[in-house]
C-alpha atoms as a PDB file:
ATOM      1  CA  MET A   1     -36.202 -28.893 -21.953  1.00  0.00           C
ATOM      2  CA  ARG A   2     -35.284 -32.296 -23.339  1.00  0.00           C
ATOM      3  CA  CYS A   3     -31.633 -33.381 -23.126  1.00  0.00           C
ATOM      4  CA  PRO A   4     -30.144 -33.618 -26.652  1.00  0.00           C
ATOM      5  CA  PHE A   5     -27.890 -36.486 -25.531  1.00  0.00           C
ATOM      6  CA  CYS A   6     -30.219 -38.920 -23.732  1.00  0.00           C
ATOM      7  CA  ASN A   7     -33.707 -37.395 -24.309  1.00  0.00           C
ATOM      8  CA  ASN A   8     -34.340 -37.043 -20.569  1.00  0.00           C
ATOM      9  CA  GLU A   9     -37.146 -34.517 -20.068  1.00  0.00           C
ATOM     10  CA  GLU A  10     -35.875 -33.284 -16.682  1.00  0.00           C
ATOM     11  CA  THR A  11     -32.888 -30.968 -17.246  1.00  0.00           C
ATOM     12  CA  GLN A  12     -31.719 -28.250 -14.887  1.00  0.00           C
ATOM     13  CA  VAL A  13     -30.793 -24.647 -15.638  1.00  0.00           C
ATOM     14  CA  LYS A  14     -27.362 -23.918 -14.146  1.00  0.00           C
ATOM     15  CA  ASP A  15     -26.840 -20.373 -15.447  1.00  0.00           C
ATOM     16  CA  SER A  16     -28.954 -17.734 -17.231  1.00  0.00           C
ATOM     17  CA  ARG A  17     -27.745 -14.463 -18.654  1.00  0.00           C
ATOM     18  CA  PRO A  18     -28.782 -11.951 -21.293  1.00  0.00           C
ATOM     19  CA  SER A  19     -26.975 -12.218 -24.599  1.00  0.00           C
ATOM     20  CA  GLU A  20     -26.999 -10.883 -28.136  1.00  0.00           C
ATOM     21  CA  ASP A  21     -27.475  -7.264 -27.220  1.00  0.00           C
ATOM     22  CA  GLY A  22     -30.234  -8.105 -24.731  1.00  0.00           C
ATOM     23  CA  THR A  23     -32.539  -9.704 -27.318  1.00  0.00           C
ATOM     24  CA  ALA A  24     -32.206 -13.237 -25.923  1.00  0.00           C
ATOM     25  CA  ILE A  25     -31.549 -15.200 -22.754  1.00  0.00           C
ATOM     26  CA  ARG A  26     -28.681 -17.695 -22.842  1.00  0.00           C
ATOM     27  CA  ARG A  27     -29.208 -20.679 -20.542  1.00  0.00           C
ATOM     28  CA  ARG A  28     -26.599 -23.280 -19.618  1.00  0.00           C
ATOM     29  CA  ARG A  29     -28.348 -26.544 -18.837  1.00  0.00           C
ATOM     30  CA  TYR A  30     -27.329 -29.802 -17.165  1.00  0.00           C
ATOM     31  CA  CYS A  31     -28.861 -33.275 -17.439  1.00  0.00           C
ATOM     32  CA  PRO A  32     -28.780 -35.175 -14.111  1.00  0.00           C
ATOM     33  CA  ASP A  33     -29.222 -38.546 -15.903  1.00  0.00           C
ATOM     34  CA  CYS A  34     -26.298 -38.491 -18.349  1.00  0.00           C
ATOM     35  CA  GLY A  35     -24.305 -35.510 -17.022  1.00  0.00           C
ATOM     36  CA  GLY A  36     -24.531 -33.725 -20.395  1.00  0.00           C
ATOM     37  CA  ARG A  37     -24.238 -29.943 -20.572  1.00  0.00           C
ATOM     38  CA  PHE A  38     -25.732 -27.802 -23.325  1.00  0.00           C
ATOM     39  CA  THR A  39     -26.816 -24.250 -24.078  1.00  0.00           C
ATOM     40  CA  THR A  40     -30.228 -22.967 -25.115  1.00  0.00           C
ATOM     41  CA  PHE A  41     -31.352 -19.515 -26.226  1.00  0.00           C
ATOM     42  CA  GLU A  42     -34.732 -17.997 -25.486  1.00  0.00           C
ATOM     43  CA  ARG A  43     -36.035 -15.136 -27.670  1.00  0.00           C
ATOM     44  CA  VAL A  44     -39.226 -13.115 -27.766  1.00  0.00           C
ATOM     45  CA  GLN A  45     -41.388 -13.997 -30.744  1.00  0.00           C
ATOM     46  CA  LEU A  46     -44.002 -11.366 -31.513  1.00  0.00           C
ATOM     47  CA  ARG A  47     -45.876 -13.449 -34.083  1.00  0.00           C
ATOM     48  CA  GLU A  48     -45.621 -16.624 -36.119  1.00  0.00           C
ATOM     49  CA  LEU A  49     -44.196 -15.714 -39.509  1.00  0.00           C
ATOM     50  CA  THR A  50     -44.670 -17.686 -42.712  1.00  0.00           C
ATOM     51  CA  VAL A  51     -42.496 -17.139 -45.774  1.00  0.00           C
ATOM     52  CA  VAL A  52     -44.285 -17.293 -49.113  1.00  0.00           C
ATOM     53  CA  LYS A  53     -41.806 -18.566 -51.713  1.00  0.00           C
ATOM     54  CA  ARG A  54     -41.789 -17.455 -55.362  1.00  0.00           C
ATOM     55  CA  SER A  55     -43.443 -20.766 -56.262  1.00  0.00           C
ATOM     56  CA  GLY A  56     -46.312 -19.983 -53.870  1.00  0.00           C
ATOM     57  CA  ARG A  57     -45.183 -22.611 -51.369  1.00  0.00           C
ATOM     58  CA  ARG A  58     -45.467 -21.520 -47.728  1.00  0.00           C
ATOM     59  CA  VAL A  59     -42.846 -22.421 -45.108  1.00  0.00           C
ATOM     60  CA  PRO A  60     -42.420 -21.356 -41.483  1.00  0.00           C
ATOM     61  CA  PHE A  61     -39.908 -18.529 -41.020  1.00  0.00           C
ATOM     62  CA  ASP A  62     -36.597 -19.857 -39.703  1.00  0.00           C
ATOM     63  CA  ARG A  63     -34.262 -17.357 -38.037  1.00  0.00           C
ATOM     64  CA  ASP A  64     -31.428 -19.888 -38.107  1.00  0.00           C
ATOM     65  CA  LYS A  65     -31.755 -20.267 -41.887  1.00  0.00           C
ATOM     66  CA  LEU A  66     -31.535 -16.488 -42.257  1.00  0.00           C
ATOM     67  CA  MET A  67     -28.422 -16.463 -40.041  1.00  0.00           C
ATOM     68  CA  ARG A  68     -26.797 -19.278 -42.054  1.00  0.00           C
ATOM     69  CA  SER A  69     -27.320 -17.493 -45.364  1.00  0.00           C
ATOM     70  CA  VAL A  70     -25.849 -14.283 -43.950  1.00  0.00           C
ATOM     71  CA  GLN A  71     -22.872 -16.190 -42.523  1.00  0.00           C
ATOM     72  CA  ILE A  72     -22.222 -17.817 -45.902  1.00  0.00           C
ATOM     73  CA  ALA A  73     -22.125 -14.375 -47.534  1.00  0.00           C
ATOM     74  CA  LEU A  74     -19.795 -13.141 -44.768  1.00  0.00           C
ATOM     75  CA  ARG A  75     -17.461 -16.156 -44.846  1.00  0.00           C
ATOM     76  CA  LYS A  76     -13.821 -15.058 -44.354  1.00  0.00           C
ATOM     77  CA  ARG A  77     -14.839 -11.402 -44.016  1.00  0.00           C
ATOM     78  CA  PRO A  78     -13.554  -9.304 -41.086  1.00  0.00           C
ATOM     79  CA  VAL A  79     -16.965  -8.638 -39.513  1.00  0.00           C
ATOM     80  CA  ASP A  80     -17.571  -8.889 -35.773  1.00  0.00           C
ATOM     81  CA  PRO A  81     -20.068 -11.714 -34.991  1.00  0.00           C
ATOM     82  CA  GLU A  82     -21.817  -9.379 -32.542  1.00  0.00           C
ATOM     83  CA  ARG A  83     -22.631  -6.991 -35.430  1.00  0.00           C
ATOM     84  CA  VAL A  84     -23.949  -9.906 -37.487  1.00  0.00           C
ATOM     85  CA  GLU A  85     -26.187 -11.009 -34.622  1.00  0.00           C
ATOM     86  CA  ARG A  86     -27.532  -7.462 -34.184  1.00  0.00           C
ATOM     87  CA  MET A  87     -28.166  -7.229 -37.930  1.00  0.00           C
ATOM     88  CA  VAL A  88     -30.110 -10.514 -38.014  1.00  0.00           C
ATOM     89  CA  SER A  89     -32.114  -9.547 -34.912  1.00  0.00           C
ATOM     90  CA  GLY A  90     -32.917  -6.216 -36.561  1.00  0.00           C
ATOM     91  CA  ILE A  91     -34.138  -7.944 -39.725  1.00  0.00           C
ATOM     92  CA  VAL A  92     -36.348 -10.288 -37.678  1.00  0.00           C
ATOM     93  CA  ARG A  93     -37.793  -7.314 -35.743  1.00  0.00           C
ATOM     94  CA  GLN A  94     -38.506  -5.521 -39.038  1.00  0.00           C
ATOM     95  CA  LEU A  95     -40.309  -8.583 -40.392  1.00  0.00           C
ATOM     96  CA  GLU A  96     -42.352  -8.972 -37.205  1.00  0.00           C
ATOM     97  CA  SER A  97     -43.257  -5.285 -37.172  1.00  0.00           C
ATOM     98  CA  LEU A  98     -44.650  -5.398 -40.730  1.00  0.00           C
ATOM     99  CA  GLY A  99     -47.901  -6.543 -39.154  1.00  0.00           C
ATOM    100  CA  GLU A 100     -48.329  -9.451 -41.552  1.00  0.00           C
ATOM    101  CA  SER A 101     -48.018 -13.142 -40.772  1.00  0.00           C
ATOM    102  CA  ASP A 102     -47.246 -13.987 -44.404  1.00  0.00           C
ATOM    103  CA  ILE A 103     -44.006 -12.483 -45.689  1.00  0.00           C
ATOM    104  CA  LYS A 104     -42.876 -12.791 -49.303  1.00  0.00           C
ATOM    105  CA  SER A 105     -39.410 -14.266 -49.750  1.00  0.00           C
ATOM    106  CA  GLU A 106     -38.549 -11.202 -51.860  1.00  0.00           C
ATOM    107  CA  THR A 107     -39.171  -8.990 -48.823  1.00  0.00           C
ATOM    108  CA  VAL A 108     -36.803 -11.069 -46.700  1.00  0.00           C
ATOM    109  CA  GLY A 109     -34.151 -11.000 -49.450  1.00  0.00           C
ATOM    110  CA  LYS A 110     -34.398  -7.231 -49.895  1.00  0.00           C
ATOM    111  CA  LEU A 111     -34.036  -6.612 -46.145  1.00  0.00           C
ATOM    112  CA  ILE A 112     -30.970  -8.859 -46.025  1.00  0.00           C
ATOM    113  CA  MET A 113     -29.426  -7.101 -49.018  1.00  0.00           C
ATOM    114  CA  GLU A 114     -30.030  -3.648 -47.505  1.00  0.00           C
ATOM    115  CA  ALA A 115     -28.434  -4.708 -44.227  1.00  0.00           C
ATOM    116  CA  LEU A 116     -25.430  -6.388 -45.913  1.00  0.00           C
ATOM    117  CA  LYS A 117     -24.863  -3.324 -48.094  1.00  0.00           C
ATOM    118  CA  VAL A 118     -24.271  -1.309 -44.927  1.00  0.00           C
ATOM    119  CA  LEU A 119     -22.283  -4.048 -43.183  1.00  0.00           C
ATOM    120  CA  ASP A 120     -19.914  -5.326 -45.910  1.00  0.00           C
ATOM    121  CA  ASP A 121     -19.791  -4.678 -49.685  1.00  0.00           C
ATOM    122  CA  VAL A 122     -18.242  -8.050 -50.529  1.00  0.00           C
ATOM    123  CA  ALA A 123     -20.897  -9.955 -48.570  1.00  0.00           C
ATOM    124  CA  TYR A 124     -23.548  -7.813 -50.268  1.00  0.00           C
ATOM    125  CA  VAL A 125     -22.261  -8.804 -53.731  1.00  0.00           C
ATOM    126  CA  ARG A 126     -22.009 -12.471 -52.721  1.00  0.00           C
ATOM    127  CA  PHE A 127     -25.561 -12.549 -51.396  1.00  0.00           C
ATOM    128  CA  ALA A 128     -26.921 -10.581 -54.361  1.00  0.00           C
ATOM    129  CA  SER A 129     -25.290 -12.982 -56.828  1.00  0.00           C
ATOM    130  CA  VAL A 130     -27.237 -15.889 -55.350  1.00  0.00           C
ATOM    131  CA  TYR A 131     -30.431 -13.992 -54.523  1.00  0.00           C
ATOM    132  CA  LYS A 132     -30.677 -12.409 -57.984  1.00  0.00           C
ATOM    133  CA  ASN A 133     -29.483 -15.611 -59.656  1.00  0.00           C
ATOM    134  CA  PHE A 134     -26.569 -14.073 -61.588  1.00  0.00           C
ATOM    135  CA  ARG A 135     -25.754 -15.974 -64.767  1.00  0.00           C
ATOM    136  CA  GLU A 136     -23.081 -13.849 -66.455  1.00  0.00           C
ATOM    137  CA  ALA A 137     -20.184 -11.572 -65.558  1.00  0.00           C
ATOM    138  CA  LYS A 138     -22.164  -8.547 -66.748  1.00  0.00           C
ATOM    139  CA  ASP A 139     -24.630  -9.156 -63.903  1.00  0.00           C
ATOM    140  CA  PHE A 140     -21.770  -8.575 -61.469  1.00  0.00           C
ATOM    141  CA  GLU A 141     -20.589  -5.547 -63.450  1.00  0.00           C
ATOM    142  CA  GLU A 142     -24.032  -3.940 -63.207  1.00  0.00           C
ATOM    143  CA  LEU A 143     -24.229  -4.505 -59.453  1.00  0.00           C
ATOM    144  CA  LEU A 144     -20.698  -3.196 -58.906  1.00  0.00           C
ATOM    145  CA  GLY A 145     -21.548  -0.202 -61.081  1.00  0.00           C
ATOM    146  CA  GLU A 146     -24.502   0.533 -58.808  1.00  0.00           C
ATOM    147  CA  LEU A 147     -22.250   0.277 -55.735  1.00  0.00           C
ATOM    148  CA  SER A 148     -19.552   2.543 -57.132  1.00  0.00           C
ATOM    149  CA  GLY A 149     -22.174   4.935 -58.524  1.00  0.00           C
ATOM    150  CA  GLU A 150     -23.680   5.387 -55.074  1.00  0.00           C
ATOM    151  CA  GLU A 151     -20.274   6.017 -53.551  1.00  0.00           C
ATOM    152  CA  GLY A 152     -19.490   8.595 -56.257  1.00  0.00           C
ATOM    153  CA  GLU A 153     -22.685  10.507 -55.533  1.00  0.00           C
ATOM    154  CA  VAL A 154     -21.803  10.858 -51.854  1.00  0.00           C
ATOM    155  CA  GLY A 155     -18.223  12.019 -52.382  1.00  0.00           C
ATOM    156  CA  PRO A 156     -17.056  15.429 -53.626  1.00  0.00           C
ATOM    157  CA  GLN A 157     -17.476  16.247 -57.323  1.00  0.00           C
ATOM    158  CA  ARG A 158     -14.340  16.619 -59.454  1.00  0.00           C
ATOM    159  CA  ASP A 159     -14.011  19.121 -62.318  1.00  0.00           C
END
């Protein structure tokens, strides 16, 4: 592993431990040349995924980009980071288990929306507003109507 500080190719692992609900290995590394310390994460990758954008452009799947977009939706929300990490890992596992190397961006967006709906309603609405490209207030009203309609169906009926 190359040192991010001095680009030395000979770094040493000082500590390794499982993290993120056992889906990754966290390694603390040390560079003997510059004395820099840094952390790396090692994850199992079942297959190389490619995201096919709406325009037809193909880009490599980026777990970190998925995590960033989820974190933006969850900004200032009281959600445990451990739950967020498990959610993102679950989405990645779902994508890998589809059996396809090419994944449509719509599929990724739908999986994120489903997971956020369970995790946090506000984050779900935030993500949906960007993902569905809301232009007017009525777009929000429709989405909120769907949310409240689902909750009403689950609860007891009133006469």
